[in-house]
C-alpha atoms as a PDB file:
ATOM      1  CA  MET A   1      36.584  29.715   8.931  1.00  0.00           C
ATOM      2  CA  GLU A   2      33.313  27.910   8.543  1.00  0.00           C
ATOM      3  CA  GLU A   3      32.544  25.476   5.734  1.00  0.00           C
ATOM      4  CA  LYS A   4      29.061  24.338   4.901  1.00  0.00           C
ATOM      5  CA  VAL A   5      28.827  20.565   4.806  1.00  0.00           C
ATOM      6  CA  LYS A   6      26.517  19.243   2.116  1.00  0.00           C
ATOM      7  CA  SER A   7      23.858  16.748   3.037  1.00  0.00           C
ATOM      8  CA  GLY A   8      23.646  13.409   1.254  1.00  0.00           C
ATOM      9  CA  LYS A   9      20.625  14.646  -0.703  1.00  0.00           C
ATOM     10  CA  GLU A  10      22.498  17.758  -1.844  1.00  0.00           C
ATOM     11  CA  ILE A  11      25.424  15.621  -3.010  1.00  0.00           C
ATOM     12  CA  LEU A  12      23.092  13.313  -4.953  1.00  0.00           C
ATOM     13  CA  ASP A  13      21.177  16.273  -6.398  1.00  0.00           C
ATOM     14  CA  ASP A  14      24.451  17.774  -7.653  1.00  0.00           C
ATOM     15  CA  PHE A  15      25.649  14.441  -9.028  1.00  0.00           C
ATOM     16  CA  PHE A  16      22.500  13.677 -11.010  1.00  0.00           C
ATOM     17  CA  GLU A  17      22.206  17.269 -12.207  1.00  0.00           C
ATOM     18  CA  ASN A  18      25.730  17.097 -13.638  1.00  0.00           C
ATOM     19  CA  ILE A  19      25.948  13.431 -14.647  1.00  0.00           C
ATOM     20  CA  GLY A  20      25.791  14.364 -18.313  1.00  0.00           C
ATOM     21  CA  THR A  21      28.972  16.419 -18.036  1.00  0.00           C
ATOM     22  CA  ILE A  22      31.078  13.501 -16.798  1.00  0.00           C
ATOM     23  CA  LYS A  23      33.605  12.348 -19.381  1.00  0.00           C
ATOM     24  CA  ASN A  24      32.617   9.191 -21.318  1.00  0.00           C
ATOM     25  CA  VAL A  25      29.066   9.060 -19.933  1.00  0.00           C
ATOM     26  CA  ASP A  26      26.486   8.341 -22.626  1.00  0.00           C
ATOM     27  CA  PRO A  27      24.161  11.380 -22.831  1.00  0.00           C
ATOM     28  CA  GLU A  28      21.015   9.257 -23.254  1.00  0.00           C
ATOM     29  CA  ILE A  29      21.843   7.136 -20.205  1.00  0.00           C
ATOM     30  CA  ALA A  30      22.685  10.252 -18.195  1.00  0.00           C
ATOM     31  CA  LYS A  31      19.360  11.835 -19.158  1.00  0.00           C
ATOM     32  CA  MET A  32      17.491   8.641 -18.243  1.00  0.00           C
ATOM     33  CA  LEU A  33      19.191   8.344 -14.850  1.00  0.00           C
ATOM     34  CA  ASN A  34      18.585  12.013 -14.095  1.00  0.00           C
ATOM     35  CA  LYS A  35      14.886  11.673 -14.962  1.00  0.00           C
ATOM     36  CA  LEU A  36      14.464   8.545 -12.813  1.00  0.00           C
ATOM     37  CA  TYR A  37      16.223  10.272  -9.912  1.00  0.00           C
ATOM     38  CA  ASN A  38      14.122  13.428 -10.226  1.00  0.00           C
ATOM     39  CA  ASP A  39      10.917  11.365 -10.487  1.00  0.00           C
ATOM     40  CA  ASP A  40      11.964   9.468  -7.321  1.00  0.00           C
ATOM     41  CA  LYS A  41      11.906   6.224  -9.313  1.00  0.00           C
ATOM     42  CA  LEU A  42      15.609   5.351  -9.315  1.00  0.00           C
ATOM     43  CA  THR A  43      15.368   1.632  -8.623  1.00  0.00           C
ATOM     44  CA  ASP A  44      17.227  -1.374  -9.982  1.00  0.00           C
ATOM     45  CA  THR A  45      14.153  -2.554 -11.875  1.00  0.00           C
ATOM     46  CA  ASN A  46      13.401   0.840 -13.415  1.00  0.00           C
ATOM     47  CA  VAL A  47      17.019   1.307 -14.510  1.00  0.00           C
ATOM     48  CA  LYS A  48      17.048  -2.153 -16.137  1.00  0.00           C
ATOM     49  CA  ASN A  49      13.750  -1.453 -17.904  1.00  0.00           C
ATOM     50  CA  GLU A  50      14.906   1.927 -19.181  1.00  0.00           C
ATOM     51  CA  LEU A  51      18.233   0.496 -20.364  1.00  0.00           C
ATOM     52  CA  GLN A  52      16.338  -2.187 -22.264  1.00  0.00           C
ATOM     53  CA  THR A  53      14.172   0.508 -23.858  1.00  0.00           C
ATOM     54  CA  LEU A  54      17.288   2.452 -24.872  1.00  0.00           C
ATOM     55  CA  ARG A  55      18.816  -0.712 -26.376  1.00  0.00           C
ATOM     56  CA  GLU A  56      15.670  -1.410 -28.375  1.00  0.00           C
ATOM     57  CA  THR A  57      15.529   2.176 -29.581  1.00  0.00           C
ATOM     58  CA  ASP A  58      19.202   2.050 -30.558  1.00  0.00           C
ATOM     59  CA  VAL A  59      18.746  -1.193 -32.498  1.00  0.00           C
ATOM     60  CA  SER A  60      15.746   0.201 -34.371  1.00  0.00           C
ATOM     61  CA  LYS A  61      17.859   3.183 -35.502  1.00  0.00           C
ATOM     62  CA  ASP A  62      20.182   0.843 -37.440  1.00  0.00           C
END
């Protein structure tokens, strides 16, 4: 019986593809993280900047 072992990249691809389906994960944050990952721009600085943008957008909705 042979099992295929996923590579680290395959595991990350699956995770970021399905992050929006995880219970209690904000859909906007999930979409942002997925986009940064797919654009190969998932860095601490980019995440902080995007979170700040989401906060500002959320405040302006009120």
